[in-house]
Amino acid sequence: MIYLFRTLAGAISIYSLLCVVRIILTWIPGGSYTGFGRFLSAICDPFLNAFKFGWLRFGAIDFSPIFALAVLTALTILFQNLGDGARLTLAAILAMAVTIVWSIIGSILTFFIIILAIRLVVFLTGADRSSSLWSQIDASLNPMVYSITRFFSGSRPIAYKNALILAIVLALVLRIGGNFAVHGLVAICSMIPF
């Protein structure tokens, strides 16, 4: 049974990687129309499309692929733990729940950091001046970015470049700090005797 769980964890990890490649191909013009792109579309889109919920879309940004990948990560963690011989005690279930919730939140934070970093690079190079895509992305990002910066700057206006940098730094701090907090919570959960 242990080998079955380990095999399932490995298979889900490989499928997750294929889904990541599929998501990246959708960002490349024509990437989905190659033979490999069509193959990935056939095996990944049914799963990814199952998570197309309206509440996971903020303007031009769709978080449903991140949520789908987080579910795959959660399943991988579950099967890895079972493959390592973990028993399903209350402590193990709580530790897995904390890990799974953080994997979802951490995935969204990582995606947010990547989008902000790409946006900052595009802004600094000036490649966004005539693109409606970046206008749509800005319409989605700006409320979050300026909410974050308003906390630090008060009512003083802050330059867009500085706002992006501050948002990236804060998201990185949350991501790294969250990892430490989760490890601490998992350690606390493991002390539960049942």
Protein backbone atom coordinates (compact mmCIF):
# COMPACT_ATOMS: atom_id res chain seq x y z
CA MET A 1 0.00 0.00 0.00
CA ILE A 2 2.92 2.33 0.75
CA TYR A 3 4.22 1.91 -2.81
CA LEU A 4 0.79 2.73 -4.21
CA PHE A 5 0.69 6.01 -2.25
CA ARG A 6 4.23 6.91 -3.33
CA THR A 7 3.38 6.11 -6.95
CA LEU A 8 0.26 8.26 -6.75
CA ALA A 9 2.25 11.13 -5.23
CA GLY A 10 4.82 10.87 -8.04
CA ALA A 11 2.16 10.69 -10.75
CA ILE A 12 0.37 13.74 -9.36
CA SER A 13 3.68 15.65 -9.21
CA ILE A 14 4.34 14.88 -12.88
CA TYR A 15 0.77 15.88 -13.79
CA SER A 16 1.25 19.14 -11.85
CA LEU A 17 4.37 19.89 -13.87
CA LEU A 18 2.49 19.23 -17.12
CA CYS A 19 -0.27 21.61 -15.95
CA VAL A 20 2.32 24.31 -15.22
CA VAL A 21 3.77 23.91 -18.72
CA ARG A 22 0.23 24.07 -20.16
CA ILE A 23 -0.50 27.29 -18.26
CA ILE A 24 2.75 28.86 -19.48
CA LEU A 25 1.97 27.85 -23.07
CA THR A 26 -1.32 29.77 -22.89
CA TRP A 27 0.70 32.94 -22.28
CA ILE A 28 2.78 32.43 -25.44
CA PRO A 29 1.06 33.43 -28.70
CA GLY A 30 0.51 30.24 -30.70
CA GLY A 31 1.98 28.05 -27.95
CA SER A 32 -1.26 26.14 -27.51
CA TYR A 33 -1.48 25.30 -31.21
CA THR A 34 1.68 23.22 -31.48
CA GLY A 35 1.40 19.43 -31.35
CA PHE A 36 2.74 19.38 -27.80
CA GLY A 37 0.41 22.25 -26.85
CA ARG A 38 -2.63 20.34 -28.14
CA PHE A 39 -1.49 17.21 -26.30
CA LEU A 40 -1.18 19.15 -23.02
CA SER A 41 -4.52 20.84 -23.66
CA ALA A 42 -6.21 17.46 -24.05
CA ILE A 43 -4.86 16.07 -20.77
CA CYS A 44 -4.73 19.22 -18.60
CA ASP A 45 -7.65 21.44 -19.65
CA PRO A 46 -10.44 19.20 -18.30
CA PHE A 47 -8.89 19.37 -14.83
CA LEU A 48 -7.93 23.07 -15.00
CA ASN A 49 -11.37 24.07 -16.35
CA ALA A 50 -13.06 22.36 -13.39
CA PHE A 51 -11.77 25.23 -11.22
CA LYS A 52 -13.10 28.12 -13.35
CA PHE A 53 -15.09 29.81 -10.59
CA GLY A 54 -16.09 33.46 -10.89
CA TRP A 55 -14.75 34.33 -7.44
CA LEU A 56 -11.25 33.27 -8.55
CA ARG A 57 -11.11 35.97 -11.24
CA PHE A 58 -10.04 39.52 -10.42
CA GLY A 59 -10.31 41.70 -13.51
CA ALA A 60 -7.84 40.36 -16.06
CA ILE A 61 -6.18 37.99 -13.58
CA ASP A 62 -7.56 34.47 -13.25
CA PHE A 63 -6.41 32.64 -10.10
CA SER A 64 -8.20 29.38 -10.99
CA PRO A 65 -5.03 27.70 -12.38
CA ILE A 66 -3.22 28.51 -9.14
CA PHE A 67 -6.09 27.04 -7.12
CA ALA A 68 -6.07 23.91 -9.33
CA LEU A 69 -2.30 23.52 -8.85
CA ALA A 70 -2.72 23.99 -5.10
CA VAL A 71 -5.23 21.13 -5.04
CA LEU A 72 -2.73 18.92 -6.87
CA THR A 73 -0.04 19.96 -4.38
CA ALA A 74 -2.36 19.12 -1.50
CA LEU A 75 -3.01 15.66 -2.96
CA THR A 76 0.72 15.12 -3.46
CA ILE A 77 1.38 16.03 0.18
CA LEU A 78 -1.39 13.70 1.37
CA PHE A 79 -0.13 10.73 -0.67
CA GLN A 80 3.52 11.43 0.24
CA ASN A 81 2.63 11.40 3.93
CA LEU A 82 0.66 8.19 3.53
CA GLY A 83 3.51 6.73 1.46
CA ASP A 84 5.95 7.58 4.23
CA GLY A 85 3.87 5.49 6.60
CA ALA A 86 2.12 8.35 8.38
CA ARG A 87 -0.93 7.23 10.31
CA LEU A 88 -4.10 9.26 10.13
CA THR A 89 -4.19 10.55 13.69
CA LEU A 90 -5.71 13.87 14.76
CA ALA A 91 -2.20 15.36 14.88
CA ALA A 92 -1.40 14.12 11.36
CA ILE A 93 -4.72 15.38 9.98
CA LEU A 94 -4.21 18.83 11.57
CA ALA A 95 -0.63 19.00 10.30
CA MET A 96 -1.75 18.04 6.78
CA ALA A 97 -4.61 20.57 6.91
CA VAL A 98 -2.22 23.37 7.91
CA THR A 99 0.20 22.33 5.16
CA ILE A 100 -2.53 22.12 2.53
CA VAL A 101 -4.06 25.50 3.42
CA TRP A 102 -0.62 27.09 3.33
CA SER A 103 0.15 25.45 -0.02
CA ILE A 104 -2.92 27.16 -1.48
CA ILE A 105 -2.15 30.55 0.10
CA GLY A 106 1.56 30.21 -0.71
CA SER A 107 0.79 29.37 -4.34
CA ILE A 108 -1.38 32.46 -4.69
CA LEU A 109 1.30 34.62 -3.03
CA THR A 110 3.98 33.19 -5.34
CA PHE A 111 1.82 33.89 -8.39
CA PHE A 112 1.20 37.44 -7.12
CA ILE A 113 4.96 37.97 -6.65
CA ILE A 114 5.70 36.71 -10.17
CA ILE A 115 3.02 38.93 -11.74
CA LEU A 116 4.24 41.96 -9.78
CA ALA A 117 7.87 41.27 -10.74
CA ILE A 118 6.95 40.90 -14.42
CA ARG A 119 4.89 44.09 -14.22
CA LEU A 120 7.81 45.96 -12.64
CA VAL A 121 10.24 44.78 -15.35
CA VAL A 122 7.80 45.74 -18.11
CA PHE A 123 7.22 49.13 -16.46
CA LEU A 124 10.96 49.79 -16.12
CA THR A 125 11.64 48.88 -19.77
CA GLY A 126 8.75 51.02 -20.99
CA ALA A 127 7.29 48.17 -23.05
CA ASP A 128 3.81 48.76 -21.63
CA ARG A 129 3.05 52.17 -23.09
CA SER A 130 0.62 51.09 -25.80
CA SER A 131 -0.60 47.72 -24.57
CA SER A 132 -4.18 47.16 -23.50
CA LEU A 133 -3.08 43.92 -21.79
CA TRP A 134 -1.01 45.86 -19.25
CA SER A 135 -3.89 48.29 -18.75
CA GLN A 136 -6.13 45.37 -17.85
CA ILE A 137 -3.50 43.87 -15.55
CA ASP A 138 -2.99 47.27 -13.90
CA ALA A 139 -6.74 47.57 -13.36
CA SER A 140 -6.58 44.29 -11.43
CA LEU A 141 -3.30 44.89 -9.61
CA ASN A 142 -3.54 48.56 -8.70
CA PRO A 143 -6.25 48.26 -6.03
CA MET A 144 -4.19 45.61 -4.21
CA VAL A 145 -0.86 47.38 -4.73
CA TYR A 146 -2.12 50.75 -3.55
CA SER A 147 -3.95 49.21 -0.58
CA ILE A 148 -0.65 47.72 0.52
CA THR A 149 1.32 50.92 -0.02
CA ARG A 150 -1.33 53.10 1.63
CA PHE A 151 -0.74 51.15 4.82
CA PHE A 152 2.92 52.22 4.77
CA SER A 153 2.74 55.66 3.19
CA GLY A 154 -0.47 56.91 4.78
CA SER A 155 -2.10 59.51 2.55
CA ARG A 156 1.15 60.56 0.81
CA PRO A 157 1.22 59.65 -2.88
CA ILE A 158 3.81 57.09 -3.90
CA ALA A 159 5.33 56.49 -7.34
CA TYR A 160 4.06 53.44 -9.20
CA LYS A 161 7.53 51.88 -9.41
CA ASN A 162 7.97 52.26 -5.64
CA ALA A 163 4.49 50.88 -5.02
CA LEU A 164 5.31 47.78 -7.08
CA ILE A 165 8.62 47.27 -5.28
CA LEU A 166 6.98 47.67 -1.86
CA ALA A 167 4.22 45.20 -2.79
CA ILE A 168 6.81 42.66 -4.01
CA VAL A 169 8.89 43.00 -0.85
CA LEU A 170 5.84 42.64 1.42
CA ALA A 171 4.57 39.61 -0.51
CA LEU A 172 8.03 38.00 -0.25
CA VAL A 173 8.13 38.68 3.50
CA LEU A 174 4.66 37.13 3.87
CA ARG A 175 5.69 34.11 1.80
CA ILE A 176 8.90 33.48 3.74
CA GLY A 177 7.37 34.30 7.13
CA GLY A 178 4.42 32.06 6.33
CA ASN A 179 6.77 29.14 5.67
CA PHE A 180 8.32 29.57 9.13
CA ALA A 181 4.90 29.94 10.76
CA VAL A 182 3.60 26.80 9.05
CA HIS A 183 6.63 24.78 10.14
CA GLY A 184 6.00 25.97 13.70
CA LEU A 185 2.30 25.07 13.52
CA VAL A 186 3.10 21.64 12.11
CA ALA A 187 5.58 21.09 14.96
CA ILE A 188 2.90 22.11 17.47
CA CYS A 189 0.37 19.78 15.81
CA SER A 190 2.84 16.90 15.96
CA MET A 191 2.98 17.27 19.76
CA ILE A 192 -0.69 16.32 20.05
CA PRO A 193 -0.59 12.80 21.52
CA PHE A 194 -3.54 11.40 19.56
